[in-house]
Amino acid sequence: QVQLVESGGGLVQAGGSLRLSCAASGSISRINDMGWYHQAPGKQRELVATETSGGRTNYADSVKGRFTLSRDNEKNTVDLQMSKLEPEDTAVYYCNVRNFLPPMGYYWGQGTQVTVSS
């Protein structure tokens, strides 16, 4: 199994910045995606940004140009630097590892709240 420990998050004014950090441990497969999703109240969990083990990064359109994902394969960490935050970014943010080799599947952190005030 994979264990994910998140840190960061909190309350910030619109236009501000926050950094989320995630450390992964356990059975992380050689081929995987690591990144962040978020879930706003009453909405489904959505991708924010992920990076493949090969180094390809994918961002949601809503965060392009504002958020930057940083992945360290040696340390098994993935950070999300969020800038120019908007009230619409308010959500619980979840660190994610998706294994494409056994043990296959999605693994999630406990979630961290990000609240952006207007």
Protein backbone atom coordinates (compact mmCIF):
# COMPACT_ATOMS: atom_id res chain seq x y z
CA GLN A 1 0.00 0.00 0.00
CA VAL A 2 0.93 3.66 -0.34
CA GLN A 3 0.87 6.19 2.46
CA LEU A 4 0.59 9.93 1.78
CA VAL A 5 1.22 12.70 4.29
CA GLU A 6 0.14 16.21 3.36
CA SER A 7 1.03 19.57 4.81
CA GLY A 8 0.22 23.16 4.01
CA GLY A 9 -3.13 24.69 3.24
CA GLY A 10 -5.04 27.23 5.28
CA LEU A 11 -6.78 30.55 4.82
CA VAL A 12 -5.53 33.20 2.41
CA GLN A 13 -6.92 36.29 0.75
CA ALA A 14 -7.65 36.38 -2.94
CA GLY A 15 -4.48 37.06 -4.90
CA GLY A 16 -2.32 35.38 -2.28
CA SER A 17 -0.21 32.25 -2.39
CA LEU A 18 -0.02 28.92 -0.60
CA ARG A 19 2.17 25.86 -0.91
CA LEU A 20 1.00 22.29 -0.39
CA SER A 21 3.46 19.49 0.23
CA CYS A 22 3.03 15.73 0.11
CA ALA A 23 5.38 12.90 1.03
CA ALA A 24 4.64 9.42 -0.25
CA SER A 25 5.93 6.13 1.13
CA GLY A 26 5.24 2.44 0.77
CA SER A 27 4.65 0.48 -2.42
CA ILE A 28 5.01 3.17 -5.07
CA SER A 29 5.24 1.51 -8.44
CA ARG A 30 7.96 2.38 -10.93
CA ILE A 31 5.34 3.75 -13.31
CA ASN A 32 2.98 6.15 -11.63
CA ASP A 33 1.37 9.55 -11.56
CA MET A 34 1.70 11.85 -8.57
CA GLY A 35 -0.20 15.05 -8.00
CA TRP A 36 -3.11 16.88 -6.48
CA TYR A 37 -6.88 16.86 -6.78
CA HIS A 38 -9.42 19.07 -5.09
CA GLN A 39 -13.03 18.77 -4.04
CA ALA A 40 -15.27 21.74 -3.38
CA PRO A 41 -18.47 21.40 -1.32
CA GLY A 42 -21.18 19.68 -3.33
CA LYS A 43 -18.87 18.92 -6.23
CA GLN A 44 -16.91 15.93 -7.45
CA ARG A 45 -13.21 15.53 -6.86
CA GLU A 46 -11.28 17.01 -9.77
CA LEU A 47 -7.73 16.92 -11.01
CA VAL A 48 -5.63 19.99 -10.27
CA ALA A 49 -2.22 18.88 -11.49
CA THR A 50 -0.35 15.62 -11.89
CA GLU A 51 3.03 14.53 -13.17
CA THR A 52 3.93 11.18 -14.63
CA SER A 53 6.99 9.25 -13.49
CA GLY A 54 8.39 10.19 -16.91
CA GLY A 55 8.13 13.89 -16.15
CA ARG A 56 5.05 14.94 -18.10
CA THR A 57 2.86 17.40 -16.20
CA ASN A 58 -0.85 17.93 -16.68
CA TYR A 59 -2.74 20.93 -15.28
CA ALA A 60 -6.42 21.71 -15.09
CA ASP A 61 -7.24 24.63 -17.37
CA SER A 62 -8.45 26.66 -14.41
CA VAL A 63 -5.02 26.66 -12.75
CA LYS A 64 -2.67 26.98 -15.71
CA GLY A 65 -0.34 29.91 -15.23
CA ARG A 66 -1.15 30.15 -11.52
CA PHE A 67 -0.17 26.79 -10.01
CA THR A 68 3.12 24.94 -10.33
CA LEU A 69 3.67 21.27 -9.53
CA SER A 70 7.08 20.10 -8.35
CA ARG A 71 7.89 16.43 -8.07
CA ASP A 72 11.01 14.82 -6.58
CA ASN A 73 11.24 11.19 -7.65
CA GLU A 74 14.13 10.40 -5.31
CA LYS A 75 12.30 11.71 -2.25
CA ASN A 76 8.83 10.66 -3.44
CA THR A 77 7.47 14.11 -2.76
CA VAL A 78 5.14 16.33 -4.74
CA ASP A 79 4.47 19.98 -3.97
CA LEU A 80 1.88 22.36 -5.34
CA GLN A 81 2.76 26.05 -5.37
CA MET A 82 -0.47 28.02 -5.72
CA SER A 83 -0.36 31.69 -6.68
CA LYS A 84 -2.94 34.29 -7.61
CA LEU A 85 -5.48 32.32 -5.62
CA GLU A 86 -9.16 32.93 -6.29
CA PRO A 87 -12.21 32.24 -4.10
CA GLU A 88 -13.12 29.53 -6.62
CA ASP A 89 -9.99 27.63 -5.57
CA THR A 90 -11.53 27.01 -2.16
CA ALA A 91 -11.70 23.26 -1.65
CA VAL A 92 -10.19 20.31 0.15
CA TYR A 93 -6.99 19.37 -1.64
CA TYR A 94 -5.90 15.73 -1.81
CA CYS A 95 -2.50 14.37 -2.65
CA ASN A 96 -2.69 11.41 -5.02
CA VAL A 97 -0.53 8.60 -6.27
CA ARG A 98 -1.78 6.41 -9.07
CA ASN A 99 0.14 3.17 -9.48
CA PHE A 100 0.16 1.60 -12.95
CA LEU A 101 1.98 -1.48 -11.67
CA PRO A 102 1.03 -3.60 -8.64
CA PRO A 103 -0.25 -2.60 -6.23
CA MET A 104 -2.31 -0.83 -8.86
CA GLY A 105 -4.82 1.87 -8.04
CA TYR A 106 -5.39 5.35 -6.70
CA TYR A 107 -4.05 6.26 -3.28
CA TRP A 108 -5.11 9.39 -1.41
CA GLY A 109 -3.91 11.62 1.40
CA GLN A 110 -6.22 12.71 4.18
CA GLY A 111 -6.93 16.06 2.52
CA THR A 112 -6.06 19.61 3.50
CA GLN A 113 -8.42 22.58 3.44
CA VAL A 114 -7.62 25.61 1.32
CA THR A 115 -9.89 28.61 1.81
CA VAL A 116 -9.56 31.76 -0.28
CA SER A 117 -11.44 34.80 0.96
CA SER A 118 -12.59 37.56 -1.35
